[in-house]
Amino acid sequence: MAIHLLDKTLQIDIFYECEDQDLEDNICLTVIERCPPAEKILRAGETHLYLTPAEARALGEALLAAADRSAAAGDPEE
């Protein structure tokens, strides 16, 4: 799954790394930044974070909770 943010200069890919199925942290969250150096917010153009299923669920739940709070506050983008 790819998610594009910041006018598509930041791409977040999230996937199950089946080659690492024997490892506990086999869910990969890749952050790719494509913009001019002066606009970069990250040091590396591409970063990989490996998460356990529990960590991935916690991240997803935190994002959903924040989205719910934003919607309840009347966010115009909702």
Protein backbone atom coordinates (compact mmCIF):
# COMPACT_ATOMS: atom_id res chain seq x y z
CA MET A 1 0.00 0.00 0.00
CA ALA A 2 1.44 3.38 -0.99
CA ILE A 3 0.35 6.66 0.59
CA HIS A 4 1.47 9.99 -0.87
CA LEU A 5 1.78 13.07 1.35
CA LEU A 6 3.04 16.67 1.06
CA ASP A 7 2.06 17.20 -2.57
CA LYS A 8 3.36 13.70 -3.43
CA THR A 9 6.94 14.50 -2.36
CA LEU A 10 6.70 11.98 0.49
CA GLN A 11 5.69 8.40 -0.20
CA ILE A 12 4.97 5.86 2.51
CA ASP A 13 4.84 2.20 1.52
CA ILE A 14 3.56 -0.38 4.00
CA PHE A 15 3.80 -4.10 3.32
CA TYR A 16 4.32 -7.51 4.85
CA GLU A 17 7.86 -8.68 4.04
CA CYS A 18 7.19 -12.36 3.29
CA GLU A 19 10.92 -13.08 2.87
CA ASP A 20 11.30 -12.17 6.56
CA GLN A 21 8.31 -14.21 7.71
CA ASP A 22 10.48 -15.95 10.31
CA LEU A 23 11.31 -12.61 11.95
CA GLU A 24 9.06 -10.91 14.48
CA ASP A 25 9.38 -7.50 12.80
CA ASN A 26 8.32 -8.45 9.27
CA ILE A 27 6.08 -5.50 8.44
CA CYS A 28 8.00 -2.90 6.46
CA LEU A 29 7.18 0.79 6.51
CA THR A 30 9.25 2.56 3.85
CA VAL A 31 9.46 6.34 3.69
CA ILE A 32 10.68 7.80 0.37
CA GLU A 33 11.22 11.53 -0.05
CA ARG A 34 11.41 13.01 -3.54
CA CYS A 35 12.03 16.73 -3.50
CA PRO A 36 14.86 19.24 -3.93
CA PRO A 37 17.52 19.06 -1.17
CA ALA A 38 16.51 22.45 0.23
CA GLU A 39 12.98 21.16 0.86
CA LYS A 40 13.91 17.84 2.49
CA ILE A 41 12.66 17.03 5.96
CA LEU A 42 14.60 13.74 6.22
CA ARG A 43 18.33 13.10 5.98
CA ALA A 44 17.99 10.00 3.82
CA GLY A 45 15.98 9.86 0.62
CA GLU A 46 14.65 6.44 1.63
CA THR A 47 14.26 4.83 5.05
CA HIS A 48 12.95 1.41 6.05
CA LEU A 49 11.36 0.71 9.42
CA TYR A 50 10.51 -2.86 10.34
CA LEU A 51 7.60 -3.30 12.75
CA THR A 52 6.12 -6.19 14.68
CA PRO A 53 2.41 -6.86 14.15
CA ALA A 54 1.71 -5.30 17.57
CA GLU A 55 3.67 -2.16 16.68
CA ALA A 56 1.90 -1.91 13.30
CA ARG A 57 -1.49 -2.25 15.00
CA ALA A 58 -0.59 0.38 17.61
CA LEU A 59 0.49 2.80 14.85
CA GLY A 60 -2.71 2.16 12.88
CA GLU A 61 -4.87 2.59 15.97
CA ALA A 62 -3.11 5.84 16.89
CA LEU A 63 -3.69 7.23 13.39
CA LEU A 64 -7.36 6.20 13.43
CA ALA A 65 -7.86 7.74 16.89
CA ALA A 66 -6.29 11.02 15.74
CA ALA A 67 -8.46 11.00 12.60
CA ASP A 68 -11.57 10.38 14.72
CA ARG A 69 -10.68 13.27 17.05
CA SER A 70 -10.07 15.54 14.06
CA ALA A 71 -13.40 14.60 12.49
CA ALA A 72 -15.22 15.15 15.79
CA ALA A 73 -13.66 18.61 16.03
CA GLY A 74 -15.15 19.50 12.66
CA ASP A 75 -12.06 19.22 10.44
CA PRO A 76 -13.11 20.70 7.07
CA GLU A 77 -11.20 17.96 5.21
CA GLU A 78 -13.44 15.23 6.65
